PDB file of N, CA and C in Angstrom:
ATOM      1  N   MET A   1     -13.242  -6.698 -40.332  1.00  0.00           N
ATOM      2  CA  MET A   1     -12.245  -7.064 -39.885  1.00  0.00           C
ATOM      3  C   MET A   1     -12.124  -7.439 -38.580  1.00  0.00           C
ATOM      4  N   LYS A   2     -11.802  -8.644 -38.081  1.00  0.00           N
ATOM      5  CA  LYS A   2     -11.825  -9.092 -36.730  1.00  0.00           C
ATOM      6  C   LYS A   2     -10.922  -8.366 -35.645  1.00  0.00           C
ATOM      7  N   ASN A   3     -11.118  -8.063 -34.693  1.00  0.00           N
ATOM      8  CA  ASN A   3      -9.993  -7.682 -33.676  1.00  0.00           C
ATOM      9  C   ASN A   3      -9.313  -8.802 -33.098  1.00  0.00           C
ATOM     10  N   LEU A   4      -8.341  -8.903 -32.417  1.00  0.00           N
ATOM     11  CA  LEU A   4      -7.012  -9.969 -32.100  1.00  0.00           C
ATOM     12  C   LEU A   4      -8.197 -10.582 -30.888  1.00  0.00           C
ATOM     13  N   ASP A   5      -8.655  -9.903 -30.185  1.00  0.00           N
ATOM     14  CA  ASP A   5      -9.636 -10.612 -29.070  1.00  0.00           C
ATOM     15  C   ASP A   5     -10.714 -11.628 -29.581  1.00  0.00           C
ATOM     16  N   GLU A   6     -11.195 -11.399 -30.794  1.00  0.00           N
ATOM     17  CA  GLU A   6     -12.019 -11.974 -31.519  1.00  0.00           C
ATOM     18  C   GLU A   6     -11.388 -13.036 -32.054  1.00  0.00           C
ATOM     19  N   LYS A   7     -10.531 -12.983 -32.670  1.00  0.00           N
ATOM     20  CA  LYS A   7      -9.414 -14.348 -33.069  1.00  0.00           C
ATOM     21  C   LYS A   7      -9.043 -15.034 -32.132  1.00  0.00           C
ATOM     22  N   TYR A   8      -8.975 -15.035 -30.952  1.00  0.00           N
ATOM     23  CA  TYR A   8      -8.191 -15.780 -29.857  1.00  0.00           C
ATOM     24  C   TYR A   8      -9.335 -16.671 -29.452  1.00  0.00           C
ATOM     25  N   HIS A   9     -10.895 -15.853 -29.116  1.00  0.00           N
ATOM     26  CA  HIS A   9     -12.009 -16.652 -28.848  1.00  0.00           C
ATOM     27  C   HIS A   9     -12.454 -17.754 -30.082  1.00  0.00           C
ATOM     28  N   GLU A  10     -11.971 -17.921 -31.133  1.00  0.00           N
ATOM     29  CA  GLU A  10     -12.251 -18.578 -32.156  1.00  0.00           C
ATOM     30  C   GLU A  10     -11.121 -19.770 -32.301  1.00  0.00           C
ATOM     31  N   ARG A  11     -10.299 -19.689 -31.526  1.00  0.00           N
ATOM     32  CA  ARG A  11      -9.207 -20.572 -31.789  1.00  0.00           C
ATOM     33  C   ARG A  11      -9.421 -21.645 -30.780  1.00  0.00           C
ATOM     34  N   PRO A  12      -9.501 -23.079 -30.840  1.00  0.00           N
ATOM     35  CA  PRO A  12      -9.697 -24.008 -30.208  1.00  0.00           C
ATOM     36  C   PRO A  12      -9.006 -24.237 -28.705  1.00  0.00           C
ATOM     37  N   PHE A  13      -9.642 -24.665 -28.048  1.00  0.00           N
ATOM     38  CA  PHE A  13      -9.099 -24.751 -26.451  1.00  0.00           C
ATOM     39  C   PHE A  13      -9.719 -25.814 -25.738  1.00  0.00           C
ATOM     40  N   THR A  14      -8.942 -26.431 -24.660  1.00  0.00           N
ATOM     41  CA  THR A  14      -9.245 -27.447 -23.588  1.00  0.00           C
ATOM     42  C   THR A  14      -9.981 -26.898 -22.488  1.00  0.00           C
ATOM     43  N   GLU A  15     -10.559 -27.170 -21.579  1.00  0.00           N
ATOM     44  CA  GLU A  15     -10.735 -26.769 -20.562  1.00  0.00           C
ATOM     45  C   GLU A  15     -10.386 -27.783 -19.462  1.00  0.00           C
ATOM     46  N   ARG A  16      -9.900 -26.789 -18.318  1.00  0.00           N
ATOM     47  CA  ARG A  16      -9.792 -27.739 -17.177  1.00  0.00           C
ATOM     48  C   ARG A  16     -10.675 -26.883 -15.736  1.00  0.00           C
ATOM     49  N   LYS A  17     -11.166 -27.727 -15.038  1.00  0.00           N
ATOM     50  CA  LYS A  17     -12.025 -27.042 -14.054  1.00  0.00           C
ATOM     51  C   LYS A  17     -11.256 -27.516 -12.423  1.00  0.00           C
ATOM     52  N   PHE A  18     -11.433 -26.167 -11.947  1.00  0.00           N
ATOM     53  CA  PHE A  18     -10.972 -26.131 -10.455  1.00  0.00           C
ATOM     54  C   PHE A  18     -11.923 -25.846  -9.400  1.00  0.00           C
ATOM     55  N   LYS A  19     -11.759 -26.459  -8.185  1.00  0.00           N
ATOM     56  CA  LYS A  19     -12.933 -26.263  -7.107  1.00  0.00           C
ATOM     57  C   LYS A  19     -11.958 -25.208  -6.194  1.00  0.00           C
ATOM     58  N   CYS A  20     -12.664 -24.279  -5.714  1.00  0.00           N
ATOM     59  CA  CYS A  20     -11.830 -23.162  -4.805  1.00  0.00           C
ATOM     60  C   CYS A  20     -12.157 -23.963  -3.198  1.00  0.00           C
ATOM     61  N   LEU A  21     -11.041 -24.306  -2.473  1.00  0.00           N
ATOM     62  CA  LEU A  21     -11.038 -25.083  -1.457  1.00  0.00           C
ATOM     63  C   LEU A  21     -11.413 -24.290   0.017  1.00  0.00           C
ATOM     64  N   SER A  22     -10.811 -22.656  -0.454  1.00  0.00           N
ATOM     65  CA  SER A  22     -10.544 -21.431   0.348  1.00  0.00           C
ATOM     66  C   SER A  22     -10.724 -20.064  -0.427  1.00  0.00           C
ATOM     67  N   SER A  23     -11.514 -19.530   0.025  1.00  0.00           N
ATOM     68  CA  SER A  23     -11.569 -17.962  -0.642  1.00  0.00           C
ATOM     69  C   SER A  23     -10.360 -17.517  -0.577  1.00  0.00           C
ATOM     70  N   PHE A  24      -9.914 -16.765  -1.943  1.00  0.00           N
ATOM     71  CA  PHE A  24      -8.711 -15.740  -1.834  1.00  0.00           C
ATOM     72  C   PHE A  24      -8.880 -14.969  -2.774  1.00  0.00           C
ATOM     73  N   GLU A  25      -8.071 -13.867  -2.846  1.00  0.00           N
ATOM     74  CA  GLU A  25      -7.655 -12.752  -3.903  1.00  0.00           C
ATOM     75  C   GLU A  25      -6.355 -13.097  -4.662  1.00  0.00           C
ATOM     76  N   SER A  26      -6.677 -12.591  -5.810  1.00  0.00           N
ATOM     77  CA  SER A  26      -5.008 -12.406  -6.146  1.00  0.00           C
ATOM     78  C   SER A  26      -5.575 -11.274  -7.610  1.00  0.00           C
ATOM     79  N   GLU A  27      -4.464 -10.455  -7.593  1.00  0.00           N
ATOM     80  CA  GLU A  27      -4.537  -9.073  -8.297  1.00  0.00           C
ATOM     81  C   GLU A  27      -5.956  -8.611  -8.741  1.00  0.00           C
ATOM     82  N   GLY A  28      -6.692  -8.769  -7.815  1.00  0.00           N
ATOM     83  CA  GLY A  28      -7.982  -8.017  -7.830  1.00  0.00           C
ATOM     84  C   GLY A  28      -9.003  -9.148  -8.291  1.00  0.00           C
ATOM     85  N   ARG A  29      -8.620 -10.388  -8.459  1.00  0.00           N
ATOM     86  CA  ARG A  29      -9.351 -11.306  -8.929  1.00  0.00           C
ATOM     87  C   ARG A  29     -10.268 -12.246  -7.856  1.00  0.00           C
ATOM     88  N   TYR A  30     -11.244 -12.804  -7.541  1.00  0.00           N
ATOM     89  CA  TYR A  30     -11.840 -13.443  -6.188  1.00  0.00           C
ATOM     90  C   TYR A  30     -12.157 -14.901  -6.983  1.00  0.00           C
ATOM     91  N   CYS A  31     -11.691 -15.535  -5.903  1.00  0.00           N
ATOM     92  CA  CYS A  31     -12.223 -16.949  -5.911  1.00  0.00           C
ATOM     93  C   CYS A  31     -12.607 -17.382  -4.629  1.00  0.00           C
ATOM     94  N   ASN A  32     -14.224 -17.899  -4.753  1.00  0.00           N
ATOM     95  CA  ASN A  32     -14.933 -17.923  -3.535  1.00  0.00           C
ATOM     96  C   ASN A  32     -15.017 -19.570  -3.391  1.00  0.00           C
ATOM     97  N   LYS A  33     -14.894 -19.752  -1.938  1.00  0.00           N
ATOM     98  CA  LYS A  33     -15.035 -21.172  -1.456  1.00  0.00           C
ATOM     99  C   LYS A  33     -16.017 -21.670  -1.982  1.00  0.00           C
ATOM    100  N   GLY A  34     -15.726 -23.042  -2.369  1.00  0.00           N
ATOM    101  CA  GLY A  34     -16.922 -24.127  -2.955  1.00  0.00           C
ATOM    102  C   GLY A  34     -17.353 -23.960  -4.497  1.00  0.00           C
ATOM    103  N   GLU A  35     -16.800 -22.635  -4.754  1.00  0.00           N
ATOM    104  CA  GLU A  35     -17.282 -22.431  -6.322  1.00  0.00           C
ATOM    105  C   GLU A  35     -16.523 -23.337  -7.525  1.00  0.00           C
ATOM    106  N   VAL A  36     -16.801 -23.430  -8.738  1.00  0.00           N
ATOM    107  CA  VAL A  36     -15.641 -24.102  -9.635  1.00  0.00           C
ATOM    108  C   VAL A  36     -15.489 -23.302 -10.739  1.00  0.00           C
ATOM    109  N   TYR A  37     -14.169 -23.045 -11.165  1.00  0.00           N
ATOM    110  CA  TYR A  37     -13.781 -22.011 -11.910  1.00  0.00           C
ATOM    111  C   TYR A  37     -13.397 -22.879 -13.270  1.00  0.00           C
ATOM    112  N   THR A  38     -12.695 -22.086 -14.346  1.00  0.00           N
ATOM    113  CA  THR A  38     -12.564 -22.842 -15.756  1.00  0.00           C
ATOM    114  C   THR A  38     -11.543 -22.136 -16.090  1.00  0.00           C
ATOM    115  N   ALA A  39     -10.623 -22.847 -16.423  1.00  0.00           N
ATOM    116  CA  ALA A  39      -9.447 -22.546 -17.174  1.00  0.00           C
ATOM    117  C   ALA A  39      -9.054 -23.043 -18.755  1.00  0.00           C
ATOM    118  N   ARG A  40      -9.027 -22.377 -19.299  1.00  0.00           N
ATOM    119  CA  ARG A  40      -9.296 -22.218 -21.048  1.00  0.00           C
ATOM    120  C   ARG A  40      -7.923 -22.598 -21.542  1.00  0.00           C
ATOM    121  N   VAL A  41      -7.284 -23.362 -21.890  1.00  0.00           N
ATOM    122  CA  VAL A  41      -5.958 -24.108 -22.190  1.00  0.00           C
ATOM    123  C   VAL A  41      -5.957 -23.785 -23.851  1.00  0.00           C
ATOM    124  N   TYR A  42      -5.249 -22.749 -24.145  1.00  0.00           N
ATOM    125  CA  TYR A  42      -4.935 -22.680 -25.742  1.00  0.00           C
ATOM    126  C   TYR A  42      -3.557 -23.131 -26.031  1.00  0.00           C
ATOM    127  N   GLU A  43      -3.402 -24.505 -26.104  1.00  0.00           N
ATOM    128  CA  GLU A  43      -2.142 -25.343 -26.216  1.00  0.00           C
ATOM    129  C   GLU A  43      -0.995 -24.489 -26.707  1.00  0.00           C
ATOM    130  N   GLY A  44       0.059 -24.376 -26.411  1.00  0.00           N
ATOM    131  CA  GLY A  44       1.155 -23.728 -26.737  1.00  0.00           C
ATOM    132  C   GLY A  44       1.259 -22.377 -27.101  1.00  0.00           C
ATOM    133  N   ASP A  45       0.274 -21.708 -26.368  1.00  0.00           N
ATOM    134  CA  ASP A  45       0.314 -19.989 -26.153  1.00  0.00           C
ATOM    135  C   ASP A  45       0.025 -19.709 -24.835  1.00  0.00           C
ATOM    136  N   TYR A  46      -1.218 -19.684 -24.215  1.00  0.00           N
ATOM    137  CA  TYR A  46      -1.567 -19.281 -23.056  1.00  0.00           C
ATOM    138  C   TYR A  46      -2.430 -19.901 -22.393  1.00  0.00           C
ATOM    139  N   THR A  47      -3.078 -19.575 -21.208  1.00  0.00           N
ATOM    140  CA  THR A  47      -4.207 -20.319 -20.294  1.00  0.00           C
ATOM    141  C   THR A  47      -4.830 -19.107 -19.970  1.00  0.00           C
ATOM    142  N   LYS A  48      -6.063 -19.131 -20.139  1.00  0.00           N
ATOM    143  CA  LYS A  48      -6.972 -17.985 -19.570  1.00  0.00           C
ATOM    144  C   LYS A  48      -7.564 -18.754 -18.176  1.00  0.00           C
ATOM    145  N   PHE A  49      -7.675 -18.069 -17.124  1.00  0.00           N
ATOM    146  CA  PHE A  49      -8.257 -18.667 -16.056  1.00  0.00           C
ATOM    147  C   PHE A  49      -9.185 -17.698 -15.470  1.00  0.00           C
ATOM    148  N   ILE A  50     -10.763 -18.186 -15.718  1.00  0.00           N
ATOM    149  CA  ILE A  50     -11.727 -17.343 -15.382  1.00  0.00           C
ATOM    150  C   ILE A  50     -12.308 -16.873 -13.838  1.00  0.00           C
ATOM    151  N   PHE A  51     -12.270 -16.025 -13.193  1.00  0.00           N
ATOM    152  CA  PHE A  51     -12.407 -16.115 -12.074  1.00  0.00           C
ATOM    153  C   PHE A  51     -13.996 -15.361 -11.953  1.00  0.00           C
ATOM    154  N   GLU A  52     -14.507 -15.092 -10.384  1.00  0.00           N
ATOM    155  CA  GLU A  52     -15.783 -14.669 -10.339  1.00  0.00           C
ATOM    156  C   GLU A  52     -15.672 -12.970 -10.778  1.00  0.00           C
ATOM    157  N   ASN A  53     -14.776 -12.338 -10.690  1.00  0.00           N
ATOM    158  CA  ASN A  53     -14.740 -10.597 -11.263  1.00  0.00           C
ATOM    159  C   ASN A  53     -13.899 -10.616 -12.691  1.00  0.00           C
ATOM    160  N   GLY A  54     -13.551 -11.442 -13.398  1.00  0.00           N
ATOM    161  CA  GLY A  54     -12.668 -11.182 -14.392  1.00  0.00           C
ATOM    162  C   GLY A  54     -11.593 -12.718 -14.568  1.00  0.00           C
ATOM    163  N   ASP A  55     -10.914 -12.419 -15.205  1.00  0.00           N
ATOM    164  CA  ASP A  55      -9.911 -13.264 -15.738  1.00  0.00           C
ATOM    165  C   ASP A  55      -8.527 -12.890 -15.774  1.00  0.00           C
ATOM    166  N   MET A  56      -7.502 -14.055 -15.572  1.00  0.00           N
ATOM    167  CA  MET A  56      -6.013 -13.944 -15.723  1.00  0.00           C
ATOM    168  C   MET A  56      -5.472 -14.554 -16.517  1.00  0.00           C
ATOM    169  N   ASN A  57      -4.623 -14.204 -17.543  1.00  0.00           N
ATOM    170  CA  ASN A  57      -3.755 -15.057 -18.678  1.00  0.00           C
ATOM    171  C   ASN A  57      -2.641 -15.208 -17.984  1.00  0.00           C
ATOM    172  N   PHE A  58      -2.035 -16.376 -18.423  1.00  0.00           N
ATOM    173  CA  PHE A  58      -0.874 -16.960 -17.851  1.00  0.00           C
ATOM    174  C   PHE A  58      -0.217 -17.905 -19.142  1.00  0.00           C
ATOM    175  N   THR A  59       1.393 -17.829 -19.159  1.00  0.00           N
ATOM    176  CA  THR A  59       1.847 -18.608 -20.296  1.00  0.00           C
ATOM    177  C   THR A  59       1.649 -20.090 -19.731  1.00  0.00           C
ATOM    178  N   ASP A  60       1.609 -21.153 -20.633  1.00  0.00           N
ATOM    179  CA  ASP A  60       1.685 -22.672 -20.150  1.00  0.00           C
ATOM    180  C   ASP A  60       2.426 -23.022 -18.985  1.00  0.00           C
ATOM    181  N   GLU A  61       3.846 -22.362 -19.343  1.00  0.00           N
ATOM    182  CA  GLU A  61       4.704 -22.788 -18.025  1.00  0.00           C
ATOM    183  C   GLU A  61       4.419 -21.941 -16.902  1.00  0.00           C
ATOM    184  N   LEU A  62       4.017 -20.810 -16.878  1.00  0.00           N
ATOM    185  CA  LEU A  62       3.762 -20.104 -15.437  1.00  0.00           C
ATOM    186  C   LEU A  62       2.406 -20.625 -14.920  1.00  0.00           C
ATOM    187  N   PHE A  63       1.562 -21.278 -15.738  1.00  0.00           N
ATOM    188  CA  PHE A  63       0.075 -21.904 -15.156  1.00  0.00           C
ATOM    189  C   PHE A  63       0.689 -22.989 -14.387  1.00  0.00           C
ATOM    190  N   GLY A  64       1.122 -24.104 -15.293  1.00  0.00           N
ATOM    191  CA  GLY A  64       1.722 -25.125 -14.490  1.00  0.00           C
ATOM    192  C   GLY A  64       2.216 -24.736 -12.647  1.00  0.00           C
ATOM    193  N   ARG A  65       2.968 -23.721 -12.676  1.00  0.00           N
ATOM    194  CA  ARG A  65       3.585 -23.405 -11.448  1.00  0.00           C
ATOM    195  C   ARG A  65       2.797 -23.028 -10.577  1.00  0.00           C
ATOM    196  N   VAL A  66       1.652 -22.096 -11.146  1.00  0.00           N
ATOM    197  CA  VAL A  66       0.535 -21.381 -10.377  1.00  0.00           C
ATOM    198  C   VAL A  66      -0.566 -22.324  -9.534  1.00  0.00           C
ATOM    199  N   VAL A  67      -0.648 -23.639 -10.676  1.00  0.00           N
ATOM    200  CA  VAL A  67      -1.443 -25.052 -10.143  1.00  0.00           C
ATOM    201  C   VAL A  67      -0.758 -25.253  -8.961  1.00  0.00           C
ATOM    202  N   ILE A  68       0.393 -25.842  -9.050  1.00  0.00           N
ATOM    203  CA  ILE A  68       1.310 -26.141  -7.866  1.00  0.00           C
ATOM    204  C   ILE A  68       1.121 -25.317  -6.665  1.00  0.00           C
ATOM    205  N   ALA A  69       1.549 -23.690  -6.858  1.00  0.00           N
ATOM    206  CA  ALA A  69       1.489 -23.054  -5.915  1.00  0.00           C
ATOM    207  C   ALA A  69       0.382 -22.753  -5.113  1.00  0.00           C
ATOM    208  N   TRP A  70      -0.956 -22.937  -5.709  1.00  0.00           N
ATOM    209  CA  TRP A  70      -2.231 -22.486  -5.204  1.00  0.00           C
ATOM    210  C   TRP A  70      -2.769 -24.155  -4.685  1.00  0.00           C
ATOM    211  N   ASN A  71      -1.979 -24.835  -4.549  1.00  0.00           N
ATOM    212  CA  ASN A  71      -2.860 -26.481  -4.565  1.00  0.00           C
ATOM    213  C   ASN A  71      -3.447 -26.113  -3.145  1.00  0.00           C
ATOM    214  N   ASP A  72      -3.289 -25.399  -2.144  1.00  0.00           N
ATOM    215  CA  ASP A  72      -3.791 -25.229  -0.915  1.00  0.00           C
ATOM    216  C   ASP A  72      -5.314 -24.898  -1.090  1.00  0.00           C
ATOM    217  N   VAL A  73      -5.408 -24.006  -2.299  1.00  0.00           N
ATOM    218  CA  VAL A  73      -6.784 -23.133  -2.203  1.00  0.00           C
ATOM    219  C   VAL A  73      -7.527 -23.626  -3.615  1.00  0.00           C
ATOM    220  N   LEU A  74      -6.560 -24.330  -4.572  1.00  0.00           N
ATOM    221  CA  LEU A  74      -7.526 -24.870  -5.651  1.00  0.00           C
ATOM    222  C   LEU A  74      -7.238 -26.232  -5.863  1.00  0.00           C
ATOM    223  N   GLU A  75      -8.177 -26.913  -6.177  1.00  0.00           N
ATOM    224  CA  GLU A  75      -8.221 -28.552  -6.374  1.00  0.00           C
ATOM    225  C   GLU A  75      -8.837 -28.775  -7.788  1.00  0.00           C
ATOM    226  N   GLU A  76      -7.723 -29.442  -8.576  1.00  0.00           N
ATOM    227  CA  GLU A  76      -8.496 -29.575  -9.915  1.00  0.00           C
ATOM    228  C   GLU A  76      -9.500 -30.757 -10.162  1.00  0.00           C
ATOM    229  N   ILE A  77     -10.680 -30.765 -10.814  1.00  0.00           N
ATOM    230  CA  ILE A  77     -11.309 -31.461 -10.748  1.00  0.00           C
ATOM    231  C   ILE A  77     -11.220 -32.336 -12.102  1.00  0.00           C
ATOM    232  N   VAL A  78     -11.072 -33.557 -11.971  1.00  0.00           N
ATOM    233  CA  VAL A  78     -10.565 -34.607 -13.027  1.00  0.00           C
ATOM    234  C   VAL A  78     -11.861 -35.868 -13.263  1.00  0.00           C
ATOM    235  N   SER A  79     -12.273 -35.577 -14.588  1.00  0.00           N
ATOM    236  CA  SER A  79     -13.673 -36.335 -14.907  1.00  0.00           C
ATOM    237  C   SER A  79     -13.273 -37.656 -15.647  1.00  0.00           C
TER     238      SER A  79
END
């Protein structure tokens, strides 16, 4: 029987990439200037933002607000 974490890792997701414009720390997670970080978006559920030393989980609504609030330190890479 699979645990909850394994079930979520099997779910489909889309990826968004962000470049760190300035090094910063939030809740013990580090974003280093010049590095690119991935956000895995599990539509209708949550977004997992993967940082240097761990990840942070956000509701879809909150992640949208975080992207706006952190626009001076993160830039989305649109391909």
